[in-house]
Amino acid sequence: MGLKRTDEFRQDAVRIALTSGLTRKQVADDLGVGMSTLNKWITAHPLPGSACLHA
């Protein structure tokens, strides 16, 4: 089983993915998580006031 990430880590990952200008692949690789995991977090925890676009 994979490493359990904190809610704060997940929220930071979502913020980075949606605001950094990096691709989701780059963000996932940099943070050591899978693309599907990052995409699930983005769907579950969108930034307040932002539209959740699926890439």
N, C-alpha and C. Protein backbone atom coordinates (compact mmCIF):
# COMPACT_ATOMS: atom_id res chain seq x y z
N MET A 1 0.85 -1.18 0.00
CA MET A 1 0.00 0.00 0.00
C MET A 1 0.89 1.23 0.00
N GLY A 2 0.42 2.30 -0.66
CA GLY A 2 1.20 3.53 -0.80
C GLY A 2 1.21 4.35 0.48
N LEU A 3 2.00 5.39 0.44
CA LEU A 3 2.14 6.30 1.56
C LEU A 3 0.88 7.14 1.72
N LYS A 4 0.40 7.27 2.95
CA LYS A 4 -0.79 8.09 3.24
C LYS A 4 -0.36 9.55 3.30
N ARG A 5 -0.96 10.38 2.47
CA ARG A 5 -0.65 11.80 2.42
C ARG A 5 -1.63 12.59 3.28
N THR A 6 -1.13 13.66 3.90
CA THR A 6 -2.00 14.49 4.74
C THR A 6 -2.92 15.34 3.87
N ASP A 7 -4.00 15.83 4.47
CA ASP A 7 -4.90 16.73 3.75
C ASP A 7 -4.16 17.98 3.30
N GLU A 8 -3.25 18.47 4.13
CA GLU A 8 -2.48 19.66 3.78
C GLU A 8 -1.62 19.40 2.53
N PHE A 9 -0.99 18.23 2.48
CA PHE A 9 -0.18 17.88 1.31
C PHE A 9 -1.07 17.83 0.07
N ARG A 10 -2.23 17.21 0.19
CA ARG A 10 -3.15 17.11 -0.95
C ARG A 10 -3.59 18.48 -1.43
N GLN A 11 -3.95 19.35 -0.48
CA GLN A 11 -4.39 20.70 -0.85
C GLN A 11 -3.26 21.48 -1.52
N ASP A 12 -2.04 21.35 -1.01
CA ASP A 12 -0.90 22.01 -1.63
C ASP A 12 -0.66 21.47 -3.04
N ALA A 13 -0.79 20.17 -3.20
CA ALA A 13 -0.61 19.56 -4.51
C ALA A 13 -1.63 20.10 -5.50
N VAL A 14 -2.87 20.22 -5.08
CA VAL A 14 -3.93 20.75 -5.94
C VAL A 14 -3.62 22.20 -6.30
N ARG A 15 -3.23 23.00 -5.32
CA ARG A 15 -2.91 24.40 -5.57
C ARG A 15 -1.76 24.52 -6.58
N ILE A 16 -0.72 23.73 -6.40
CA ILE A 16 0.41 23.76 -7.32
C ILE A 16 -0.02 23.34 -8.71
N ALA A 17 -0.80 22.27 -8.80
CA ALA A 17 -1.23 21.76 -10.10
C ALA A 17 -2.08 22.78 -10.87
N LEU A 18 -2.91 23.53 -10.15
CA LEU A 18 -3.83 24.45 -10.81
C LEU A 18 -3.28 25.85 -11.02
N THR A 19 -2.20 26.21 -10.33
CA THR A 19 -1.73 27.59 -10.41
C THR A 19 -0.29 27.75 -10.88
N SER A 20 0.48 26.68 -10.93
CA SER A 20 1.92 26.82 -11.20
C SER A 20 2.27 27.00 -12.67
N GLY A 21 1.38 26.60 -13.56
CA GLY A 21 1.71 26.63 -14.98
C GLY A 21 2.43 25.38 -15.44
N LEU A 22 2.75 24.48 -14.51
CA LEU A 22 3.35 23.20 -14.86
C LEU A 22 2.26 22.23 -15.31
N THR A 23 2.66 21.23 -16.07
CA THR A 23 1.69 20.20 -16.43
C THR A 23 1.39 19.35 -15.20
N ARG A 24 0.25 18.71 -15.22
CA ARG A 24 -0.10 17.81 -14.10
C ARG A 24 0.92 16.69 -13.99
N LYS A 25 1.43 16.23 -15.13
CA LYS A 25 2.45 15.17 -15.12
C LYS A 25 3.69 15.65 -14.38
N GLN A 26 4.12 16.89 -14.65
CA GLN A 26 5.30 17.43 -13.98
C GLN A 26 5.07 17.55 -12.48
N VAL A 27 3.90 18.05 -12.10
CA VAL A 27 3.58 18.21 -10.69
C VAL A 27 3.55 16.85 -10.00
N ALA A 28 2.88 15.89 -10.61
CA ALA A 28 2.80 14.55 -10.03
C ALA A 28 4.19 13.95 -9.85
N ASP A 29 5.03 14.06 -10.88
CA ASP A 29 6.38 13.52 -10.79
C ASP A 29 7.19 14.23 -9.70
N ASP A 30 7.10 15.55 -9.65
CA ASP A 30 7.84 16.32 -8.65
C ASP A 30 7.43 15.96 -7.23
N LEU A 31 6.15 15.66 -7.04
CA LEU A 31 5.65 15.36 -5.70
C LEU A 31 5.71 13.87 -5.36
N GLY A 32 6.05 13.05 -6.35
CA GLY A 32 6.16 11.62 -6.10
C GLY A 32 4.83 10.91 -5.98
N VAL A 33 3.83 11.42 -6.70
CA VAL A 33 2.52 10.76 -6.71
C VAL A 33 2.16 10.43 -8.16
N GLY A 34 1.21 9.54 -8.32
CA GLY A 34 0.77 9.16 -9.65
C GLY A 34 -0.17 10.21 -10.24
N MET A 35 -0.24 10.22 -11.56
CA MET A 35 -1.15 11.14 -12.26
C MET A 35 -2.60 10.91 -11.84
N SER A 36 -3.01 9.65 -11.77
CA SER A 36 -4.40 9.37 -11.41
C SER A 36 -4.70 9.85 -9.98
N THR A 37 -3.72 9.72 -9.09
CA THR A 37 -3.89 10.19 -7.72
C THR A 37 -4.06 11.70 -7.69
N LEU A 38 -3.18 12.41 -8.39
CA LEU A 38 -3.28 13.86 -8.44
C LEU A 38 -4.61 14.29 -9.03
N ASN A 39 -5.03 13.65 -10.10
CA ASN A 39 -6.32 14.00 -10.72
C ASN A 39 -7.49 13.76 -9.78
N LYS A 40 -7.44 12.69 -9.00
CA LYS A 40 -8.49 12.42 -8.01
C LYS A 40 -8.53 13.52 -6.96
N TRP A 41 -7.36 13.95 -6.50
CA TRP A 41 -7.29 15.02 -5.50
C TRP A 41 -7.87 16.31 -6.07
N ILE A 42 -7.56 16.62 -7.32
CA ILE A 42 -8.05 17.85 -7.95
C ILE A 42 -9.57 17.81 -8.06
N THR A 43 -10.11 16.66 -8.40
CA THR A 43 -11.56 16.51 -8.50
C THR A 43 -12.21 16.63 -7.13
N ALA A 44 -11.59 16.05 -6.11
CA ALA A 44 -12.16 16.04 -4.77
C ALA A 44 -11.96 17.35 -4.02
N HIS A 45 -10.89 18.08 -4.33
CA HIS A 45 -10.54 19.28 -3.58
C HIS A 45 -10.19 20.44 -4.50
N PRO A 46 -11.13 20.90 -5.33
CA PRO A 46 -10.81 22.04 -6.20
C PRO A 46 -10.55 23.29 -5.38
N LEU A 47 -9.76 24.19 -5.92
CA LEU A 47 -9.50 25.45 -5.23
C LEU A 47 -10.79 26.26 -5.16
N PRO A 48 -11.02 26.96 -4.06
CA PRO A 48 -12.22 27.79 -3.96
C PRO A 48 -12.23 28.84 -5.07
N GLY A 49 -13.37 28.98 -5.73
CA GLY A 49 -13.50 29.97 -6.77
C GLY A 49 -12.90 29.60 -8.10
N SER A 50 -12.42 28.36 -8.24
CA SER A 50 -11.82 27.97 -9.52
C SER A 50 -12.69 26.91 -10.19
N ALA A 51 -12.67 26.93 -11.48
CA ALA A 51 -13.36 25.90 -12.25
C ALA A 51 -12.42 24.70 -12.34
N CYS A 52 -12.94 23.54 -12.13
CA CYS A 52 -12.13 22.33 -12.21
C CYS A 52 -12.15 21.81 -13.64
N LEU A 53 -11.04 21.96 -14.33
CA LEU A 53 -10.94 21.50 -15.70
C LEU A 53 -10.20 20.18 -15.71
N HIS A 54 -10.71 19.22 -16.40
CA HIS A 54 -10.06 17.91 -16.47
C HIS A 54 -9.14 17.89 -17.67
N ALA A 55 -7.87 17.52 -17.41
CA ALA A 55 -6.89 17.44 -18.50
C ALA A 55 -6.50 16.01 -18.75
